[in-house]
Every structure is written in C-alpha cells, then in structure tokens.
C-alpha cells in the first residue's frame, strides 16, 4: 500500500504542466517522452484524469507497465 501511494505521488507530479515548455505536457508513458505540440493535445486517462497520453498505444503500454496500480 505504501509503495502504491508513493508511486501515485510521483506520477501525479510527473504529469503536471511544465511551465518552461509553455504549459504543455509530456506523454505519461515513460517509454515515450513525446511532448504536446500545443496545450490540451493529448487525451487524459479516463479513470484518474491526471495522466495524458499521445496515443492509445501509449496509454495501453503505460497501463500494463504499472499505471493501473496508482490510477
């Protein structure tokens, strides 16, 4: 439980807007790293509404790689 809590804290912080990048976000799939070209380009996770993904493939990969544990 404690590990799941801290994983959630880390992921929530990682999914915040980056003001040094004009407020755009990076794909929440840690294996991707793509940045939005404009604000609100990426789709939010339907469950937590925090993580943003550049594609369905990235969302699916992130889910199987651990997003489901902190979502």
PDB file of N, CA and C in Angstrom:
ATOM      1  N   UNK A   1       0.816  -1.195   0.000  1.00  0.00           N
ATOM      2  CA  UNK A   1       0.000   0.000   0.000  1.00  0.00           C
ATOM      3  C   UNK A   1       0.860   1.260   0.000  1.00  0.00           C
ATOM      4  N   UNK A   2       1.900   1.267   0.803  1.00  0.00           N
ATOM      5  CA  UNK A   2       2.740   2.456   0.882  1.00  0.00           C
ATOM      6  C   UNK A   2       3.464   2.709  -0.440  1.00  0.00           C
ATOM      7  N   UNK A   3       3.934   1.647  -1.072  1.00  0.00           N
ATOM      8  CA  UNK A   3       4.610   1.797  -2.365  1.00  0.00           C
ATOM      9  C   UNK A   3       3.638   2.340  -3.400  1.00  0.00           C
ATOM     10  N   UNK A   4       2.409   1.834  -3.395  1.00  0.00           N
ATOM     11  CA  UNK A   4       1.397   2.308  -4.332  1.00  0.00           C
ATOM     12  C   UNK A   4       1.113   3.794  -4.101  1.00  0.00           C
ATOM     13  N   UNK A   5       1.042   4.217  -2.854  1.00  0.00           N
ATOM     14  CA  UNK A   5       0.814   5.627  -2.533  1.00  0.00           C
ATOM     15  C   UNK A   5       1.924   6.497  -3.115  1.00  0.00           C
ATOM     16  N   UNK A   6       3.184   6.127  -2.861  1.00  0.00           N
ATOM     17  CA  UNK A   6       4.301   6.940  -3.334  1.00  0.00           C
ATOM     18  C   UNK A   6       4.430   6.904  -4.851  1.00  0.00           C
ATOM     19  N   UNK A   7       4.088   5.785  -5.454  1.00  0.00           N
ATOM     20  CA  UNK A   7       4.081   5.719  -6.921  1.00  0.00           C
ATOM     21  C   UNK A   7       3.066   6.712  -7.472  1.00  0.00           C
ATOM     22  N   UNK A   8       1.918   6.818  -6.821  1.00  0.00           N
ATOM     23  CA  UNK A   8       0.903   7.782  -7.233  1.00  0.00           C
ATOM     24  C   UNK A   8       1.374   9.214  -7.093  1.00  0.00           C
ATOM     25  N   UNK A   9       2.053   9.522  -6.004  1.00  0.00           N
ATOM     26  CA  UNK A   9       2.591  10.871  -5.790  1.00  0.00           C
ATOM     27  C   UNK A   9       3.593  11.219  -6.889  1.00  0.00           C
ATOM     28  N   UNK A  10       4.483  10.305  -7.177  1.00  0.00           N
ATOM     29  CA  UNK A  10       5.497  10.537  -8.215  1.00  0.00           C
ATOM     30  C   UNK A  10       4.841  10.747  -9.572  1.00  0.00           C
ATOM     31  N   UNK A  11       3.879   9.908  -9.916  1.00  0.00           N
ATOM     32  CA  UNK A  11       3.229  10.034 -11.221  1.00  0.00           C
ATOM     33  C   UNK A  11       2.398  11.306 -11.322  1.00  0.00           C
ATOM     34  N   UNK A  12       1.714  11.685 -10.262  1.00  0.00           N
ATOM     35  CA  UNK A  12       0.948  12.936 -10.308  1.00  0.00           C
ATOM     36  C   UNK A  12       1.870  14.122 -10.542  1.00  0.00           C
ATOM     37  N   UNK A  13       3.027  14.130  -9.886  1.00  0.00           N
ATOM     38  CA  UNK A  13       3.984  15.215 -10.092  1.00  0.00           C
ATOM     39  C   UNK A  13       4.558  15.181 -11.503  1.00  0.00           C
ATOM     40  N   UNK A  14       4.795  13.988 -12.025  1.00  0.00           N
ATOM     41  CA  UNK A  14       5.357  13.855 -13.370  1.00  0.00           C
ATOM     42  C   UNK A  14       4.372  14.314 -14.438  1.00  0.00           C
ATOM     43  N   UNK A  15       3.080  14.257 -14.148  1.00  0.00           N
ATOM     44  CA  UNK A  15       2.055  14.599 -15.137  1.00  0.00           C
ATOM     45  C   UNK A  15       1.637  16.068 -15.091  1.00  0.00           C
ATOM     46  N   UNK A  16       2.286  16.854 -14.271  1.00  0.00           N
ATOM     47  CA  UNK A  16       1.943  18.277 -14.198  1.00  0.00           C
ATOM     48  C   UNK A  16       2.445  19.024 -15.427  1.00  0.00           C
ATOM     49  N   UNK A  17       1.824  20.174 -15.677  1.00  0.00           N
ATOM     50  CA  UNK A  17       2.273  21.024 -16.777  1.00  0.00           C
ATOM     51  C   UNK A  17       3.684  21.501 -16.508  1.00  0.00           C
ATOM     52  N   UNK A  18       4.446  21.652 -17.562  1.00  0.00           N
ATOM     53  CA  UNK A  18       5.808  22.173 -17.451  1.00  0.00           C
ATOM     54  C   UNK A  18       5.803  23.604 -17.969  1.00  0.00           C
ATOM     55  N   UNK A  19       5.830  24.570 -17.059  1.00  0.00           N
ATOM     56  CA  UNK A  19       5.771  25.975 -17.461  1.00  0.00           C
ATOM     57  C   UNK A  19       6.971  26.398 -18.293  1.00  0.00           C
ATOM     58  N   UNK A  20       8.080  25.687 -18.167  1.00  0.00           N
ATOM     59  CA  UNK A  20       9.237  26.018 -19.002  1.00  0.00           C
ATOM     60  C   UNK A  20       9.023  25.560 -20.445  1.00  0.00           C
ATOM     61  N   UNK A  21       7.991  24.753 -20.686  1.00  0.00           N
ATOM     62  CA  UNK A  21       7.640  24.306 -22.036  1.00  0.00           C
ATOM     63  C   UNK A  21       6.291  24.898 -22.455  1.00  0.00           C
ATOM     64  N   UNK A  22       6.021  26.138 -22.099  1.00  0.00           N
ATOM     65  CA  UNK A  22       4.797  26.848 -22.464  1.00  0.00           C
ATOM     66  C   UNK A  22       3.528  26.167 -21.938  1.00  0.00           C
ATOM     67  N   UNK A  23       3.638  25.443 -20.820  1.00  0.00           N
ATOM     68  CA  UNK A  23       2.467  24.825 -20.214  1.00  0.00           C
ATOM     69  C   UNK A  23       2.015  23.537 -20.868  1.00  0.00           C
ATOM     70  N   UNK A  24       2.812  23.001 -21.764  1.00  0.00           N
ATOM     71  CA  UNK A  24       2.439  21.737 -22.399  1.00  0.00           C
ATOM     72  C   UNK A  24       2.922  20.564 -21.559  1.00  0.00           C
ATOM     73  N   UNK A  25       2.391  19.383 -21.857  1.00  0.00           N
ATOM     74  CA  UNK A  25       2.718  18.189 -21.072  1.00  0.00           C
ATOM     75  C   UNK A  25       3.438  17.150 -21.920  1.00  0.00           C
ATOM     76  N   UNK A  26       4.154  16.298 -21.196  1.00  0.00           N
ATOM     77  CA  UNK A  26       4.835  15.177 -21.823  1.00  0.00           C
ATOM     78  C   UNK A  26       3.936  13.947 -21.691  1.00  0.00           C
ATOM     79  N   UNK A  27       3.988  13.065 -22.672  1.00  0.00           N
ATOM     80  CA  UNK A  27       3.219  11.824 -22.615  1.00  0.00           C
ATOM     81  C   UNK A  27       3.560  11.088 -21.321  1.00  0.00           C
ATOM     82  N   UNK A  28       2.538  10.593 -20.621  1.00  0.00           N
ATOM     83  CA  UNK A  28       2.741   9.927 -19.333  1.00  0.00           C
ATOM     84  C   UNK A  28       3.320   8.524 -19.472  1.00  0.00           C
ATOM     85  N   UNK A  29       3.410   8.020 -20.691  1.00  0.00           N
ATOM     86  CA  UNK A  29       4.083   6.739 -20.913  1.00  0.00           C
ATOM     87  C   UNK A  29       5.580   7.008 -20.811  1.00  0.00           C
ATOM     88  N   UNK A  30       6.201   6.499 -19.767  1.00  0.00           N
ATOM     89  CA  UNK A  30       7.613   6.792 -19.512  1.00  0.00           C
ATOM     90  C   UNK A  30       8.541   6.296 -20.619  1.00  0.00           C
ATOM     91  N   UNK A  31       8.068   5.383 -21.457  1.00  0.00           N
ATOM     92  CA  UNK A  31       8.885   4.871 -22.554  1.00  0.00           C
ATOM     93  C   UNK A  31       8.766   5.736 -23.807  1.00  0.00           C
ATOM     94  N   UNK A  32       7.882   6.721 -23.801  1.00  0.00           N
ATOM     95  CA  UNK A  32       7.631   7.558 -24.981  1.00  0.00           C
ATOM     96  C   UNK A  32       8.407   8.873 -24.919  1.00  0.00           C
ATOM     97  N   UNK A  33       7.988   9.764 -24.033  1.00  0.00           N
ATOM     98  CA  UNK A  33       8.677  11.040 -23.883  1.00  0.00           C
ATOM     99  C   UNK A  33       8.253  12.139 -24.836  1.00  0.00           C
ATOM    100  N   UNK A  34       7.262  11.896 -25.693  1.00  0.00           N
ATOM    101  CA  UNK A  34       6.804  12.916 -26.643  1.00  0.00           C
ATOM    102  C   UNK A  34       6.114  14.062 -25.905  1.00  0.00           C
ATOM    103  N   UNK A  35       6.347  15.289 -26.370  1.00  0.00           N
ATOM    104  CA  UNK A  35       5.716  16.480 -25.805  1.00  0.00           C
ATOM    105  C   UNK A  35       4.545  16.905 -26.680  1.00  0.00           C
ATOM    106  N   UNK A  36       3.517  17.484 -26.069  1.00  0.00           N
ATOM    107  CA  UNK A  36       2.413  18.064 -26.833  1.00  0.00           C
ATOM    108  C   UNK A  36       2.961  19.175 -27.719  1.00  0.00           C
ATOM    109  N   UNK A  37       2.367  19.337 -28.881  1.00  0.00           N
ATOM    110  CA  UNK A  37       2.740  20.455 -29.748  1.00  0.00           C
ATOM    111  C   UNK A  37       1.966  21.710 -29.361  1.00  0.00           C
ATOM    112  N   UNK A  38       0.825  21.524 -28.720  1.00  0.00           N
ATOM    113  CA  UNK A  38       0.010  22.636 -28.222  1.00  0.00           C
ATOM    114  C   UNK A  38      -0.738  22.146 -26.979  1.00  0.00           C
ATOM    115  N   UNK A  39      -1.128  23.052 -26.091  1.00  0.00           N
ATOM    116  CA  UNK A  39      -1.812  22.644 -24.855  1.00  0.00           C
ATOM    117  C   UNK A  39      -3.090  21.845 -25.140  1.00  0.00           C
ATOM    118  N   UNK A  40      -3.342  20.861 -24.315  1.00  0.00           N
ATOM    119  CA  UNK A  40      -4.544  20.015 -24.381  1.00  0.00           C
ATOM    120  C   UNK A  40      -4.609  19.127 -25.616  1.00  0.00           C
ATOM    121  N   UNK A  41      -3.470  18.863 -26.251  1.00  0.00           N
ATOM    122  CA  UNK A  41      -3.442  17.978 -27.419  1.00  0.00           C
ATOM    123  C   UNK A  41      -3.672  16.523 -27.014  1.00  0.00           C
ATOM    124  N   UNK A  42      -3.056  16.085 -25.930  1.00  0.00           N
ATOM    125  CA  UNK A  42      -3.116  14.683 -25.523  1.00  0.00           C
ATOM    126  C   UNK A  42      -4.407  14.383 -24.766  1.00  0.00           C
ATOM    127  N   UNK A  43      -4.834  13.132 -24.838  1.00  0.00           N
ATOM    128  CA  UNK A  43      -6.042  12.683 -24.135  1.00  0.00           C
ATOM    129  C   UNK A  43      -5.702  12.285 -22.701  1.00  0.00           C
ATOM    130  N   UNK A  44      -6.618  12.580 -21.782  1.00  0.00           N
ATOM    131  CA  UNK A  44      -6.437  12.223 -20.370  1.00  0.00           C
ATOM    132  C   UNK A  44      -6.897  10.791 -20.132  1.00  0.00           C
ATOM    133  N   UNK A  45      -6.306  10.164 -19.138  1.00  0.00           N
ATOM    134  CA  UNK A  45      -6.762   8.854 -18.676  1.00  0.00           C
ATOM    135  C   UNK A  45      -8.214   9.003 -18.212  1.00  0.00           C
ATOM    136  N   UNK A  46      -9.080   8.106 -18.637  1.00  0.00           N
ATOM    137  CA  UNK A  46     -10.497   8.201 -18.272  1.00  0.00           C
ATOM    138  C   UNK A  46     -10.755   7.971 -16.794  1.00  0.00           C
ATOM    139  N   UNK A  47      -9.849   7.291 -16.106  1.00  0.00           N
ATOM    140  CA  UNK A  47     -10.071   6.971 -14.692  1.00  0.00           C
ATOM    141  C   UNK A  47      -9.561   8.069 -13.768  1.00  0.00           C
ATOM    142  N   UNK A  48      -8.274   8.392 -13.859  1.00  0.00           N
ATOM    143  CA  UNK A  48      -7.699   9.360 -12.912  1.00  0.00           C
ATOM    144  C   UNK A  48      -7.743  10.796 -13.437  1.00  0.00           C
ATOM    145  N   UNK A  49      -7.862  10.969 -14.752  1.00  0.00           N
ATOM    146  CA  UNK A  49      -7.901  12.298 -15.394  1.00  0.00           C
ATOM    147  C   UNK A  49      -6.620  13.105 -15.151  1.00  0.00           C
ATOM    148  N   UNK A  50      -5.547  12.452 -14.712  1.00  0.00           N
ATOM    149  CA  UNK A  50      -4.272  13.132 -14.457  1.00  0.00           C
ATOM    150  C   UNK A  50      -3.272  12.849 -15.572  1.00  0.00           C
ATOM    151  N   UNK A  51      -3.085  11.576 -15.878  1.00  0.00           N
ATOM    152  CA  UNK A  51      -2.115  11.179 -16.896  1.00  0.00           C
ATOM    153  C   UNK A  51      -2.646  11.541 -18.278  1.00  0.00           C
ATOM    154  N   UNK A  52      -1.752  12.027 -19.147  1.00  0.00           N
ATOM    155  CA  UNK A  52      -2.127  12.375 -20.516  1.00  0.00           C
ATOM    156  C   UNK A  52      -1.253  11.572 -21.466  1.00  0.00           C
ATOM    157  N   UNK A  53      -1.880  11.054 -22.505  1.00  0.00           N
ATOM    158  CA  UNK A  53      -1.176  10.181 -23.446  1.00  0.00           C
ATOM    159  C   UNK A  53      -1.308  10.691 -24.873  1.00  0.00           C
ATOM    160  N   UNK A  54      -0.235  10.501 -25.651  1.00  0.00           N
ATOM    161  CA  UNK A  54      -0.226  10.963 -27.037  1.00  0.00           C
ATOM    162  C   UNK A  54      -0.967  10.007 -27.969  1.00  0.00           C
ATOM    163  N   UNK A  55      -1.188   8.763 -27.533  1.00  0.00           N
ATOM    164  CA  UNK A  55      -1.870   7.783 -28.385  1.00  0.00           C
ATOM    165  C   UNK A  55      -2.487   6.679 -27.531  1.00  0.00           C
ATOM    166  N   UNK A  56      -3.395   5.931 -28.152  1.00  0.00           N
ATOM    167  CA  UNK A  56      -3.992   4.771 -27.480  1.00  0.00           C
ATOM    168  C   UNK A  56      -2.919   3.738 -27.159  1.00  0.00           C
ATOM    169  N   UNK A  57      -1.934   3.605 -28.045  1.00  0.00           N
ATOM    170  CA  UNK A  57      -0.856   2.644 -27.828  1.00  0.00           C
ATOM    171  C   UNK A  57      -0.065   2.995 -26.571  1.00  0.00           C
ATOM    172  N   UNK A  58       0.251   4.280 -26.401  1.00  0.00           N
ATOM    173  CA  UNK A  58       0.991   4.712 -25.209  1.00  0.00           C
ATOM    174  C   UNK A  58       0.157   4.507 -23.951  1.00  0.00           C
ATOM    175  N   UNK A  59      -1.129   4.775 -24.034  1.00  0.00           N
ATOM    176  CA  UNK A  59      -1.997   4.577 -22.878  1.00  0.00           C
ATOM    177  C   UNK A  59      -2.042   3.098 -22.496  1.00  0.00           C
ATOM    178  N   UNK A  60      -2.171   2.235 -23.480  1.00  0.00           N
ATOM    179  CA  UNK A  60      -2.218   0.794 -23.233  1.00  0.00           C
ATOM    180  C   UNK A  60      -0.905   0.287 -22.646  1.00  0.00           C
ATOM    181  N   UNK A  61       0.212   0.761 -23.196  1.00  0.00           N
ATOM    182  CA  UNK A  61       1.526   0.366 -22.688  1.00  0.00           C
ATOM    183  C   UNK A  61       1.703   0.813 -21.244  1.00  0.00           C
ATOM    184  N   UNK A  62       1.355   2.070 -20.963  1.00  0.00           N
ATOM    185  CA  UNK A  62       1.504   2.601 -19.607  1.00  0.00           C
ATOM    186  C   UNK A  62       0.620   1.829 -18.624  1.00  0.00           C
ATOM    187  N   UNK A  63      -0.584   1.473 -19.055  1.00  0.00           N
ATOM    188  CA  UNK A  63      -1.495   0.723 -18.187  1.00  0.00           C
ATOM    189  C   UNK A  63      -0.871  -0.612 -17.801  1.00  0.00           C
ATOM    190  N   UNK A  64      -0.321  -1.316 -18.786  1.00  0.00           N
ATOM    191  CA  UNK A  64       0.275  -2.626 -18.497  1.00  0.00           C
ATOM    192  C   UNK A  64       1.611  -2.509 -17.773  1.00  0.00           C
ATOM    193  N   UNK A  65       2.282  -1.356 -17.888  1.00  0.00           N
ATOM    194  CA  UNK A  65       3.567  -1.145 -17.214  1.00  0.00           C
ATOM    195  C   UNK A  65       3.412  -0.619 -15.784  1.00  0.00           C
ATOM    196  N   UNK A  66       2.169  -0.390 -15.336  1.00  0.00           N
ATOM    197  CA  UNK A  66       2.003  -0.009 -13.939  1.00  0.00           C
ATOM    198  C   UNK A  66       1.045   1.127 -13.634  1.00  0.00           C
ATOM    199  N   UNK A  67       0.560   1.851 -14.650  1.00  0.00           N
ATOM    200  CA  UNK A  67      -0.367   2.957 -14.372  1.00  0.00           C
ATOM    201  C   UNK A  67      -1.592   2.462 -13.602  1.00  0.00           C
ATOM    202  N   UNK A  68      -2.051   1.259 -13.910  1.00  0.00           N
ATOM    203  CA  UNK A  68      -3.258   0.728 -13.250  1.00  0.00           C
ATOM    204  C   UNK A  68      -3.093   0.605 -11.740  1.00  0.00           C
ATOM    205  N   UNK A  69      -1.862   0.510 -11.255  1.00  0.00           N
ATOM    206  CA  UNK A  69      -1.643   0.350  -9.818  1.00  0.00           C
ATOM    207  C   UNK A  69      -1.787   1.659  -9.041  1.00  0.00           C
ATOM    208  N   UNK A  70      -1.590   2.797  -9.687  1.00  0.00           N
ATOM    209  CA  UNK A  70      -1.724   4.068  -8.956  1.00  0.00           C
ATOM    210  C   UNK A  70      -2.896   4.898  -9.436  1.00  0.00           C
ATOM    211  N   UNK A  71      -3.543   4.456 -10.505  1.00  0.00           N
ATOM    212  CA  UNK A  71      -4.654   5.211 -11.098  1.00  0.00           C
ATOM    213  C   UNK A  71      -5.840   5.292 -10.141  1.00  0.00           C
TER     214      UNK A  71
END
